[in-house]
C-alpha cells in the first residue's frame, strides 16, 4: 500500500465536507494520509512530519473514511473518533434499531437529513449510512456484521 500525506488542498476539502455534512467545525488534531484507493487514514500529527517516500508502508493509522462523489463517508472508527463533535447529520436510534444496524440491515426511517448520516445509539457511534428514499443504507462491511440472537 502506498500512502501520501493529504495535501493541504485535499485536507481542506475533507475538513470542509465534515463541517458541511456533520457540523464539525473544530480543528481535528490528526495528520491525514490517503491511500492509492483514496481511503483516508488518521494518525497523530507527529507521524505526519515523517518522510515516508522511500519506505514501504503496510498499514498506517486508523481508516477514518473516504471522499465519495463529493461527500465524506466515515468508517465505524471514523464516526467514533470524530462523531462526538458532530452537531448535525446524526441519527439517534433505539437499542432495537441499533441491533438491526449491527446485523448489517438497512434502516427504514423517515428523516429530513440528506446524504451520509452518522448512526448513534446512546453514547455509541455505530458507523455511517446514506439516506435514500426513506431508508438509511448500511455501509458496514459484511465481515463486521455481528450475529445477535433476538
C-alpha atoms as a PDB file:
ATOM      1  CA  UNK A   1       0.000   0.000   0.000  1.00  0.00           C
ATOM      2  CA  UNK A   2       1.337   3.401  -0.889  1.00  0.00           C
ATOM      3  CA  UNK A   3       0.223   6.292   1.246  1.00  0.00           C
ATOM      4  CA  UNK A   4       0.767  10.005   0.948  1.00  0.00           C
ATOM      5  CA  UNK A   5       0.097  12.877   3.299  1.00  0.00           C
ATOM      6  CA  UNK A   6      -3.186  14.515   2.392  1.00  0.00           C
ATOM      7  CA  UNK A   7      -2.160  17.649   0.555  1.00  0.00           C
ATOM      8  CA  UNK A   8      -3.229  20.972   2.024  1.00  0.00           C
ATOM      9  CA  UNK A   9      -5.990  21.411  -0.562  1.00  0.00           C
ATOM     10  CA  UNK A  10      -7.312  17.846  -0.060  1.00  0.00           C
ATOM     11  CA  UNK A  11      -7.191  18.193   3.727  1.00  0.00           C
ATOM     12  CA  UNK A  12      -9.088  21.461   3.500  1.00  0.00           C
ATOM     13  CA  UNK A  13     -11.687  19.808   1.231  1.00  0.00           C
ATOM     14  CA  UNK A  14     -12.096  16.843   3.609  1.00  0.00           C
ATOM     15  CA  UNK A  15     -12.478  19.107   6.652  1.00  0.00           C
ATOM     16  CA  UNK A  16     -14.944  21.322   4.755  1.00  0.00           C
ATOM     17  CA  UNK A  17     -17.049  18.258   3.897  1.00  0.00           C
ATOM     18  CA  UNK A  18     -17.047  17.215   7.563  1.00  0.00           C
ATOM     19  CA  UNK A  19     -18.189  20.699   8.524  1.00  0.00           C
ATOM     20  CA  UNK A  20     -20.903  20.850   5.850  1.00  0.00           C
ATOM     21  CA  UNK A  21     -22.265  17.349   6.419  1.00  0.00           C
ATOM     22  CA  UNK A  22     -21.813  16.872  10.154  1.00  0.00           C
ATOM     23  CA  UNK A  23     -21.243  20.365  11.565  1.00  0.00           C
ATOM     24  CA  UNK A  24     -17.730  19.502  12.738  1.00  0.00           C
ATOM     25  CA  UNK A  25     -16.129  22.929  12.911  1.00  0.00           C
ATOM     26  CA  UNK A  26     -13.405  22.323  15.475  1.00  0.00           C
ATOM     27  CA  UNK A  27      -9.852  21.636  14.439  1.00  0.00           C
ATOM     28  CA  UNK A  28      -9.087  17.917  14.268  1.00  0.00           C
ATOM     29  CA  UNK A  29      -5.745  17.124  15.842  1.00  0.00           C
ATOM     30  CA  UNK A  30      -4.677  14.464  13.330  1.00  0.00           C
ATOM     31  CA  UNK A  31      -2.483  14.168  10.291  1.00  0.00           C
ATOM     32  CA  UNK A  32      -4.370  12.576   7.406  1.00  0.00           C
ATOM     33  CA  UNK A  33      -2.969  10.199   4.826  1.00  0.00           C
ATOM     34  CA  UNK A  34      -4.563   8.947   1.636  1.00  0.00           C
ATOM     35  CA  UNK A  35      -4.016   5.501   0.149  1.00  0.00           C
ATOM     36  CA  UNK A  36      -3.925   4.520  -3.503  1.00  0.00           C
ATOM     37  CA  UNK A  37      -7.593   3.546  -3.177  1.00  0.00           C
ATOM     38  CA  UNK A  38      -8.455   7.058  -1.898  1.00  0.00           C
ATOM     39  CA  UNK A  39      -9.076   5.853   1.644  1.00  0.00           C
ATOM     40  CA  UNK A  40      -8.267   8.396   4.327  1.00  0.00           C
ATOM     41  CA  UNK A  41      -6.324   7.391   7.435  1.00  0.00           C
ATOM     42  CA  UNK A  42      -5.749   9.429  10.607  1.00  0.00           C
ATOM     43  CA  UNK A  43      -2.542   9.361  12.629  1.00  0.00           C
ATOM     44  CA  UNK A  44      -1.017  11.580  15.285  1.00  0.00           C
ATOM     45  CA  UNK A  45       0.406  14.826  13.946  1.00  0.00           C
ATOM     46  CA  UNK A  46       3.967  13.731  14.764  1.00  0.00           C
ATOM     47  CA  UNK A  47       3.767  10.891  12.230  1.00  0.00           C
ATOM     48  CA  UNK A  48       2.635  13.390   9.605  1.00  0.00           C
ATOM     49  CA  UNK A  49       6.051  15.064   9.816  1.00  0.00           C
ATOM     50  CA  UNK A  50       7.936  11.889   8.814  1.00  0.00           C
ATOM     51  CA  UNK A  51       9.224  11.405   5.273  1.00  0.00           C
ATOM     52  CA  UNK A  52       7.671   8.137   4.101  1.00  0.00           C
ATOM     53  CA  UNK A  53       8.518   8.428   0.408  1.00  0.00           C
ATOM     54  CA  UNK A  54      11.196   5.702   0.403  1.00  0.00           C
ATOM     55  CA  UNK A  55       9.542   3.419   2.939  1.00  0.00           C
ATOM     56  CA  UNK A  56       7.139   0.633   2.102  1.00  0.00           C
ATOM     57  CA  UNK A  57       4.201   1.001   4.471  1.00  0.00           C
ATOM     58  CA  UNK A  58       1.858  -1.944   5.083  1.00  0.00           C
ATOM     59  CA  UNK A  59      -0.548  -0.011   7.262  1.00  0.00           C
ATOM     60  CA  UNK A  60      -0.705   3.404   8.807  1.00  0.00           C
ATOM     61  CA  UNK A  61      -3.088   4.882  11.323  1.00  0.00           C
ATOM     62  CA  UNK A  62      -6.806   4.301  11.539  1.00  0.00           C
ATOM     63  CA  UNK A  63      -9.060   4.169   8.494  1.00  0.00           C
ATOM     64  CA  UNK A  64     -11.499   7.045   9.048  1.00  0.00           C
ATOM     65  CA  UNK A  65     -13.312   7.215   5.731  1.00  0.00           C
ATOM     66  CA  UNK A  66     -13.208   8.357   2.160  1.00  0.00           C
ATOM     67  CA  UNK A  67     -14.492  11.038  -0.147  1.00  0.00           C
ATOM     68  CA  UNK A  68     -17.091   9.556  -2.462  1.00  0.00           C
ATOM     69  CA  UNK A  69     -18.975  11.577  -5.075  1.00  0.00           C
ATOM     70  CA  UNK A  70     -18.208  14.837  -3.311  1.00  0.00           C
ATOM     71  CA  UNK A  71     -19.294  13.589   0.121  1.00  0.00           C
ATOM     72  CA  UNK A  72     -17.380  12.305   3.146  1.00  0.00           C
ATOM     73  CA  UNK A  73     -18.284   8.769   4.194  1.00  0.00           C
ATOM     74  CA  UNK A  74     -16.878   7.856   7.590  1.00  0.00           C
ATOM     75  CA  UNK A  75     -15.906   4.372   8.725  1.00  0.00           C
ATOM     76  CA  UNK A  76     -17.085   2.955  12.039  1.00  0.00           C
ATOM     77  CA  UNK A  77     -13.829   4.095  13.669  1.00  0.00           C
ATOM     78  CA  UNK A  78     -14.048   7.467  11.938  1.00  0.00           C
ATOM     79  CA  UNK A  79     -17.548   8.009  13.281  1.00  0.00           C
ATOM     80  CA  UNK A  80     -16.344   7.054  16.769  1.00  0.00           C
ATOM     81  CA  UNK A  81     -13.288   9.320  16.618  1.00  0.00           C
ATOM     82  CA  UNK A  82     -14.974  12.484  15.419  1.00  0.00           C
ATOM     83  CA  UNK A  83     -18.696  11.832  15.858  1.00  0.00           C
ATOM     84  CA  UNK A  84     -18.878  13.452  19.288  1.00  0.00           C
ATOM     85  CA  UNK A  85     -18.057  16.771  17.644  1.00  0.00           C
ATOM     86  CA  UNK A  86     -20.917  16.422  15.129  1.00  0.00           C
ATOM     87  CA  UNK A  87     -23.737  18.933  15.517  1.00  0.00           C
ATOM     88  CA  UNK A  88     -25.834  17.712  12.589  1.00  0.00           C
ATOM     89  CA  UNK A  89     -26.251  14.656  10.404  1.00  0.00           C
ATOM     90  CA  UNK A  90     -26.544  12.329  13.392  1.00  0.00           C
ATOM     91  CA  UNK A  91     -29.350   9.787  13.547  1.00  0.00           C
ATOM     92  CA  UNK A  92     -30.085   8.642  17.071  1.00  0.00           C
ATOM     93  CA  UNK A  93     -31.503   5.115  17.196  1.00  0.00           C
ATOM     94  CA  UNK A  94     -33.034   2.891  19.870  1.00  0.00           C
ATOM     95  CA  UNK A  95     -31.410  -0.315  21.086  1.00  0.00           C
ATOM     96  CA  UNK A  96     -33.597  -2.492  18.849  1.00  0.00           C
ATOM     97  CA  UNK A  97     -32.834  -0.382  15.772  1.00  0.00           C
ATOM     98  CA  UNK A  98     -29.127  -0.467  16.673  1.00  0.00           C
ATOM     99  CA  UNK A  99     -29.303  -4.284  16.728  1.00  0.00           C
ATOM    100  CA  UNK A 100     -30.811  -4.210  13.243  1.00  0.00           C
ATOM    101  CA  UNK A 101     -27.971  -1.947  12.092  1.00  0.00           C
ATOM    102  CA  UNK A 102     -25.108  -4.042  13.506  1.00  0.00           C
ATOM    103  CA  UNK A 103     -26.594  -7.119  11.862  1.00  0.00           C
ATOM    104  CA  UNK A 104     -25.958  -5.351   8.538  1.00  0.00           C
ATOM    105  CA  UNK A 105     -29.505  -4.364   7.669  1.00  0.00           C
ATOM    106  CA  UNK A 106     -30.648  -1.064   6.199  1.00  0.00           C
ATOM    107  CA  UNK A 107     -32.891   1.069   8.383  1.00  0.00           C
ATOM    108  CA  UNK A 108     -36.410   2.086   7.391  1.00  0.00           C
ATOM    109  CA  UNK A 109     -36.545   5.622   8.793  1.00  0.00           C
ATOM    110  CA  UNK A 110     -38.146   8.894   7.965  1.00  0.00           C
ATOM    111  CA  UNK A 111     -35.577  11.642   8.262  1.00  0.00           C
ATOM    112  CA  UNK A 112     -35.068  15.153   6.991  1.00  0.00           C
ATOM    113  CA  UNK A 113     -31.327  14.531   6.651  1.00  0.00           C
ATOM    114  CA  UNK A 114     -29.739  14.044   3.243  1.00  0.00           C
ATOM    115  CA  UNK A 115     -26.594  12.270   2.136  1.00  0.00           C
ATOM    116  CA  UNK A 116     -24.476  10.457   4.699  1.00  0.00           C
ATOM    117  CA  UNK A 117     -25.515  10.388   8.364  1.00  0.00           C
ATOM    118  CA  UNK A 118     -23.856   9.057  11.490  1.00  0.00           C
ATOM    119  CA  UNK A 119     -25.747   6.351  13.365  1.00  0.00           C
ATOM    120  CA  UNK A 120     -25.681   6.791  17.129  1.00  0.00           C
ATOM    121  CA  UNK A 121     -27.131   4.670  19.926  1.00  0.00           C
ATOM    122  CA  UNK A 122     -26.917   6.265  23.381  1.00  0.00           C
ATOM    123  CA  UNK A 123     -23.239   7.356  23.549  1.00  0.00           C
ATOM    124  CA  UNK A 124     -22.010   4.903  20.894  1.00  0.00           C
ATOM    125  CA  UNK A 125     -21.427   5.722  17.237  1.00  0.00           C
ATOM    126  CA  UNK A 126     -22.119   2.701  15.041  1.00  0.00           C
ATOM    127  CA  UNK A 127     -20.950   3.961  11.665  1.00  0.00           C
ATOM    128  CA  UNK A 128     -22.201   5.931   8.726  1.00  0.00           C
ATOM    129  CA  UNK A 129     -25.100   5.320   6.363  1.00  0.00           C
ATOM    130  CA  UNK A 130     -26.600   7.026   3.333  1.00  0.00           C
ATOM    131  CA  UNK A 131     -30.150   8.377   3.331  1.00  0.00           C
ATOM    132  CA  UNK A 132     -32.009   7.279   0.230  1.00  0.00           C
ATOM    133  CA  UNK A 133     -35.749   7.062  -0.412  1.00  0.00           C
ATOM    134  CA  UNK A 134     -36.857   6.748   3.220  1.00  0.00           C
ATOM    135  CA  UNK A 135     -34.088   4.342   4.150  1.00  0.00           C
ATOM    136  CA  UNK A 136     -30.618   4.577   5.592  1.00  0.00           C
ATOM    137  CA  UNK A 137     -28.334   2.319   3.604  1.00  0.00           C
ATOM    138  CA  UNK A 138     -25.881   0.341   5.702  1.00  0.00           C
ATOM    139  CA  UNK A 139     -22.214   0.541   4.686  1.00  0.00           C
ATOM    140  CA  UNK A 140     -20.884  -1.762   7.398  1.00  0.00           C
ATOM    141  CA  UNK A 141     -18.695  -4.394   5.695  1.00  0.00           C
ATOM    142  CA  UNK A 142     -20.091  -7.934   5.855  1.00  0.00           C
ATOM    143  CA  UNK A 143     -17.038  -9.079   7.796  1.00  0.00           C
ATOM    144  CA  UNK A 144     -18.015  -6.652  10.592  1.00  0.00           C
ATOM    145  CA  UNK A 145     -21.651  -7.735  10.969  1.00  0.00           C
ATOM    146  CA  UNK A 146     -22.483  -9.074  14.398  1.00  0.00           C
ATOM    147  CA  UNK A 147     -24.532 -12.192  14.903  1.00  0.00           C
ATOM    148  CA  UNK A 148     -27.134 -11.380  17.522  1.00  0.00           C
ATOM    149  CA  UNK A 149     -29.775 -13.694  18.834  1.00  0.00           C
ATOM    150  CA  UNK A 150     -33.123 -11.989  19.136  1.00  0.00           C
END
